C-alpha atoms as a PDB file:
ATOM      1  CA  MET A   1      32.999  86.874 101.327  1.00  0.00           C
ATOM      2  CA  ILE A   2      30.850  84.672  99.663  1.00  0.00           C
ATOM      3  CA  TYR A   3      32.571  81.314 100.054  1.00  0.00           C
ATOM      4  CA  PRO A   4      30.395  80.560 103.555  1.00  0.00           C
ATOM      5  CA  LEU A   5      27.596  80.467 101.347  1.00  0.00           C
ATOM      6  CA  VAL A   6      28.586  77.740  99.460  1.00  0.00           C
ATOM      7  CA  LEU A   7      29.147  76.032 102.775  1.00  0.00           C
ATOM      8  CA  GLU A   8      25.393  76.572 103.500  1.00  0.00           C
ATOM      9  CA  LEU A   9      24.328  75.324 100.291  1.00  0.00           C
ATOM     10  CA  ALA A  10      25.939  72.171 100.325  1.00  0.00           C
ATOM     11  CA  ASP A  11      24.451  71.751 103.902  1.00  0.00           C
ATOM     12  CA  ASP A  12      21.141  72.361 102.114  1.00  0.00           C
ATOM     13  CA  GLY A  13      22.364  69.648  99.061  1.00  0.00           C
ATOM     14  CA  VAL A  14      23.227  71.886  96.638  1.00  0.00           C
ATOM     15  CA  PRO A  15      26.061  70.369  94.921  1.00  0.00           C
ATOM     16  CA  VAL A  16      29.417  72.457  95.609  1.00  0.00           C
ATOM     17  CA  ALA A  17      30.750  72.449  91.733  1.00  0.00           C
ATOM     18  CA  VAL A  18      27.208  74.178  90.818  1.00  0.00           C
ATOM     19  CA  ALA A  19      27.121  76.563  93.473  1.00  0.00           C
ATOM     20  CA  CYS A  20      29.911  77.356  92.326  1.00  0.00           C
ATOM     21  CA  ARG A  21      29.983  77.799  88.922  1.00  0.00           C
ATOM     22  CA  VAL A  22      26.403  79.973  89.617  1.00  0.00           C
ATOM     23  CA  LEU A  23      28.289  82.277  91.848  1.00  0.00           C
ATOM     24  CA  GLY A  24      31.214  82.893  89.451  1.00  0.00           C
ATOM     25  CA  PHE A  25      34.093  81.633  90.806  1.00  0.00           C
ATOM     26  CA  SER A  26      36.256  77.664  90.640  1.00  0.00           C
ATOM     27  CA  LYS A  27      35.962  74.838  92.492  1.00  0.00           C
ATOM     28  CA  GLN A  28      39.626  75.471  93.145  1.00  0.00           C
ATOM     29  CA  ALA A  29      38.893  78.852  94.433  1.00  0.00           C
ATOM     30  CA  PHE A  30      37.072  77.347  97.302  1.00  0.00           C
ATOM     31  CA  TYR A  31      38.539  74.371  98.201  1.00  0.00           C
ATOM     32  CA  ARG A  32      42.028  76.566  98.788  1.00  0.00           C
ATOM     33  CA  TRP A  33      39.935  78.996 100.653  1.00  0.00           C
ATOM     34  CA  ARG A  34      38.253  75.899 102.870  1.00  0.00           C
ATOM     35  CA  ALA A  35      41.975  74.635 103.037  1.00  0.00           C
ATOM     36  CA  SER A  36      42.875  78.278 104.858  1.00  0.00           C
ATOM     37  CA  PRO A  37      40.176  80.664 105.406  1.00  0.00           C
ATOM     38  CA  VAL A  38      40.475  84.226 106.054  1.00  0.00           C
ATOM     39  CA  SER A  39      41.309  84.412 109.761  1.00  0.00           C
ATOM     40  CA  LYS A  40      39.623  86.861 112.263  1.00  0.00           C
ATOM     41  CA  ARG A  41      42.288  89.259 112.079  1.00  0.00           C
ATOM     42  CA  ASP A  42      43.233  89.234 108.086  1.00  0.00           C
ATOM     43  CA  TRP A  43      39.426  90.346 108.197  1.00  0.00           C
ATOM     44  CA  ASP A  44      39.673  93.034 110.625  1.00  0.00           C
ATOM     45  CA  ASP A  45      42.963  94.461 108.394  1.00  0.00           C
ATOM     46  CA  ALA A  46      41.228  94.893 105.059  1.00  0.00           C
ATOM     47  CA  HIS A  47      38.370  96.644 107.031  1.00  0.00           C
ATOM     48  CA  LEU A  48      40.702  98.643 108.851  1.00  0.00           C
ATOM     49  CA  THR A  49      42.678  99.809 105.169  1.00  0.00           C
ATOM     50  CA  ASN A  50      39.459 100.947 104.140  1.00  0.00           C
ATOM     51  CA  ALA A  51      38.889 103.099 107.298  1.00  0.00           C
ATOM     52  CA  GLU A  52      42.491 104.937 106.456  1.00  0.00           C
ATOM     53  CA  SER A  53      42.133 104.740 102.912  1.00  0.00           C
ATOM     54  CA  PHE A  54      38.938 107.379 103.339  1.00  0.00           C
ATOM     55  CA  PHE A  55      40.539 109.316 106.434  1.00  0.00           C
ATOM     56  CA  ALA A  56      43.385 109.891 104.270  1.00  0.00           C
ATOM     57  CA  LEU A  57      41.203 111.578 101.699  1.00  0.00           C
ATOM     58  CA  LEU A  58      39.287 113.543 104.118  1.00  0.00           C
ATOM     59  CA  GLN A  59      42.310 114.841 105.237  1.00  0.00           C
ATOM     60  CA  LYS A  60      43.600 115.685 101.982  1.00  0.00           C
ATOM     61  CA  ASN A  61      40.340 117.045 100.626  1.00  0.00           C
ATOM     62  CA  VAL A  62      38.584 118.765 103.504  1.00  0.00           C
ATOM     63  CA  LEU A  63      40.915 119.352 106.503  1.00  0.00           C
ATOM     64  CA  ASN A  64      44.192 120.519 104.698  1.00  0.00           C
ATOM     65  CA  ARG A  65      42.398 122.789 102.780  1.00  0.00           C
ATOM     66  CA  LYS A  66      41.902 126.003 105.500  1.00  0.00           C
ATOM     67  CA  ARG A  67      41.906 126.513 109.015  1.00  0.00           C
ATOM     68  CA  TRP A  68      38.288 125.905 110.482  1.00  0.00           C
ATOM     69  CA  THR A  69      37.298 128.845 113.088  1.00  0.00           C
ATOM     70  CA  THR A  70      34.874 126.408 115.049  1.00  0.00           C
ATOM     71  CA  ARG A  71      33.718 122.877 115.019  1.00  0.00           C
ATOM     72  CA  GLU A  72      30.537 123.749 113.490  1.00  0.00           C
ATOM     73  CA  GLU A  73      32.112 125.193 110.488  1.00  0.00           C
ATOM     74  CA  LEU A  74      34.347 122.254 110.230  1.00  0.00           C
ATOM     75  CA  ARG A  75      31.683 119.804 110.930  1.00  0.00           C
ATOM     76  CA  LEU A  76      29.392 121.387 107.980  1.00  0.00           C
ATOM     77  CA  ALA A  77      32.688 121.246 105.610  1.00  0.00           C
ATOM     78  CA  ILE A  78      33.275 117.085 106.482  1.00  0.00           C
ATOM     79  CA  ILE A  79      29.169 116.918 106.073  1.00  0.00           C
ATOM     80  CA  THR A  80      29.279 118.483 103.167  1.00  0.00           C
ATOM     81  CA  TRP A  81      32.571 116.712 101.321  1.00  0.00           C
ATOM     82  CA  ILE A  82      30.752 113.472 101.934  1.00  0.00           C
ATOM     83  CA  GLU A  83      27.155 114.139 100.926  1.00  0.00           C
ATOM     84  CA  ALA A  84      28.481 116.500  97.272  1.00  0.00           C
ATOM     85  CA  THR A  85      31.725 114.769  96.834  1.00  0.00           C
ATOM     86  CA  TYR A  86      32.798 111.021  98.012  1.00  0.00           C
ATOM     87  CA  HIS A  87      29.739 109.610  98.096  1.00  0.00           C
ATOM     88  CA  ARG A  88      28.279 110.807  94.677  1.00  0.00           C
ATOM     89  CA  LYS A  89      31.795 109.723  92.996  1.00  0.00           C
ATOM     90  CA  ARG A  90      32.465 106.495  95.023  1.00  0.00           C
ATOM     91  CA  ARG A  91      31.928 103.327  92.966  1.00  0.00           C
ATOM     92  CA  GLN A  92      29.812 101.071  95.086  1.00  0.00           C
ATOM     93  CA  ARG A  93      29.517  97.380  95.210  1.00  0.00           C
ATOM     94  CA  ARG A  94      25.606  97.104  95.856  1.00  0.00           C
ATOM     95  CA  LEU A  95      24.986  99.328  92.903  1.00  0.00           C
ATOM     96  CA  GLY A  96      26.896  96.913  90.292  1.00  0.00           C
ATOM     97  CA  LYS A  97      30.329  99.089  90.609  1.00  0.00           C
ATOM     98  CA  LEU A  98      28.391 102.372  89.571  1.00  0.00           C
ATOM     99  CA  THR A  99      28.664 105.759  91.530  1.00  0.00           C
ATOM    100  CA  PRO A 100      25.223 107.033  92.381  1.00  0.00           C
ATOM    101  CA  ILE A 101      24.513 109.946  89.017  1.00  0.00           C
ATOM    102  CA  GLU A 102      25.589 106.368  86.849  1.00  0.00           C
ATOM    103  CA  TYR A 103      23.054 104.400  88.718  1.00  0.00           C
ATOM    104  CA  GLU A 104      20.427 106.943  88.686  1.00  0.00           C
ATOM    105  CA  THR A 105      21.022 107.957  85.047  1.00  0.00           C
ATOM    106  CA  ILE A 106      20.400 104.048  84.464  1.00  0.00           C
ATOM    107  CA  VAL A 107      17.400 103.304  86.759  1.00  0.00           C
ATOM    108  CA  ASN A 108      15.318 106.645  86.371  1.00  0.00           C
ATOM    109  CA  PRO A 109      16.013 108.541  82.868  1.00  0.00           C
ATOM    110  CA  GLN A 110      13.329 111.288  83.130  1.00  0.00           C
ATOM    111  CA  VAL A 111      15.483 112.488  86.278  1.00  0.00           C
ATOM    112  CA  THR A 112      18.478 113.122  83.721  1.00  0.00           C
ATOM    113  CA  LEU A 113      16.034 115.015  81.242  1.00  0.00           C
ATOM    114  CA  ALA A 114      14.542 117.195  83.903  1.00  0.00           C
ATOM    115  CA  ALA A 115      18.027 118.071  85.004  1.00  0.00           C
END
C-alpha cells in the first residue's frame, strides 16, 4: 500500500496534493483510505488469497498429474514446476508487470541473439 508513504511525505513537509500527483492517484483516494485504512485482517486476507491461488495452481499442474513414488521425486517435480513454469510465466510487479523472460529480452537483447 502506497498511501502510508503520502503520510510520511506530508510529515516531511511535502503537500498531499503533490505527493498524490507524483505517485499517480487522486487526493480523494488518499483521504478515503485515511478515513478507513485497510485493517490488518483485510491485509492478511489478501495475502491468504494469493497463497491459495498459488497452491491451487500447484495442485492442478503438479500434484494431480501423477502418483509420486517417493518424496524426493515429488520435491523435484514441485521445484521444477516453480522454476521452469510458474516464475517464468508470472508477471511480477518489481519487473514492471513483465514476465522474467520479457524483462530479460528488453534489458539484455544480446541474450536473445545468443539463444
